[in-house]
Amino acid sequence: MDSDMEAAKTARESLDLAFHMSNLLDTGLDRHTLSVLIALCDLGLNPEALAALVKELITQTSTSPPPSSLT
C-alpha cells in the first residue's frame, strides 16, 4: 500500500514540475490537458506528433470565428 501512495505522490510531483515548466514556456496548456498529453506519451504516442497536433488545434481555435448564434 505504501508503494502505491509513493507512486501517486511521485506522479503528482512530476505533473507539478511539468506544469510549472509548461507555464514558464507559456504553452497555454492547463493541468488536465498536460496530464492527458503525458499519458499519451507514456502509451507510446510520438511526442513530436502530439506537439504538432496541439499547435494545429490552438491555431485553428484562435483563427476560427466564434460560433454563430442559432436564435
Protein backbone atom coordinates (compact mmCIF):
# COMPACT_ATOMS: atom_id res chain seq x y z
CA MET A 1 0.00 0.00 0.00
CA ASP A 2 2.85 2.38 0.79
CA SER A 3 4.35 1.83 -2.64
CA ASP A 4 1.03 2.84 -4.26
CA MET A 5 0.92 6.02 -2.19
CA GLU A 6 4.54 6.76 -3.01
CA ALA A 7 3.91 6.19 -6.72
CA ALA A 8 0.91 8.54 -6.62
CA LYS A 9 2.97 11.18 -4.81
CA THR A 10 5.77 10.87 -7.36
CA ALA A 11 3.29 11.14 -10.24
CA ARG A 12 1.75 14.27 -8.70
CA GLU A 13 5.16 15.84 -8.17
CA SER A 14 6.16 15.03 -11.76
CA LEU A 15 2.96 16.61 -13.09
CA ASP A 16 3.53 19.66 -10.88
CA LEU A 17 7.03 20.06 -12.31
CA ALA A 18 5.83 19.57 -15.91
CA PHE A 19 3.01 22.08 -15.34
CA HIS A 20 5.46 24.61 -13.90
CA MET A 21 7.74 24.17 -16.92
CA SER A 22 4.71 24.49 -19.22
CA ASN A 23 3.79 27.77 -17.56
CA LEU A 24 7.36 29.08 -17.83
CA LEU A 25 7.27 28.28 -21.54
CA ASP A 26 3.86 29.96 -21.82
CA THR A 27 2.30 26.97 -23.59
CA GLY A 28 -1.23 27.82 -22.52
CA LEU A 29 -1.88 24.21 -21.54
CA ASP A 30 -3.96 23.56 -18.46
CA ARG A 31 -3.02 20.90 -15.93
CA HIS A 32 -5.58 18.37 -17.21
CA THR A 33 -4.53 18.72 -20.86
CA LEU A 34 -0.89 18.37 -19.91
CA SER A 35 -1.73 15.25 -17.90
CA VAL A 36 -3.52 13.71 -20.90
CA LEU A 37 -0.61 14.52 -23.21
CA ILE A 38 1.87 12.95 -20.79
CA ALA A 39 -0.32 9.84 -20.53
CA LEU A 40 -0.46 9.58 -24.32
CA CYS A 41 3.33 9.80 -24.50
CA ASP A 42 3.57 7.10 -21.81
CA LEU A 43 1.39 4.91 -24.04
CA GLY A 44 3.91 5.30 -26.85
CA LEU A 45 2.46 8.08 -28.98
CA ASN A 46 5.04 10.23 -30.73
CA PRO A 47 5.62 13.43 -28.68
CA GLU A 48 6.51 15.45 -31.79
CA ALA A 49 3.28 14.40 -33.48
CA LEU A 50 1.29 15.32 -30.36
CA ALA A 51 3.02 18.71 -30.21
CA ALA A 52 2.19 19.36 -33.86
CA LEU A 53 -1.43 18.38 -33.24
CA VAL A 54 -1.72 20.68 -30.22
CA LYS A 55 -0.19 23.57 -32.18
CA GLU A 56 -2.62 22.98 -35.04
CA LEU A 57 -5.61 22.83 -32.71
CA ILE A 58 -4.55 26.04 -30.97
CA THR A 59 -4.04 27.77 -34.32
CA GLN A 60 -7.43 26.64 -35.61
CA THR A 61 -9.14 27.73 -32.40
CA SER A 62 -7.53 31.16 -32.40
CA THR A 63 -8.21 31.87 -36.10
CA SER A 64 -11.72 30.47 -36.41
CA PRO A 65 -14.65 32.84 -35.95
CA PRO A 66 -16.85 32.33 -32.91
CA PRO A 67 -19.85 30.07 -33.48
CA SER A 68 -22.93 31.91 -34.71
CA SER A 69 -26.00 32.12 -32.56
CA LEU A 70 -28.83 29.80 -33.50
CA THR A 71 -31.54 32.18 -32.24
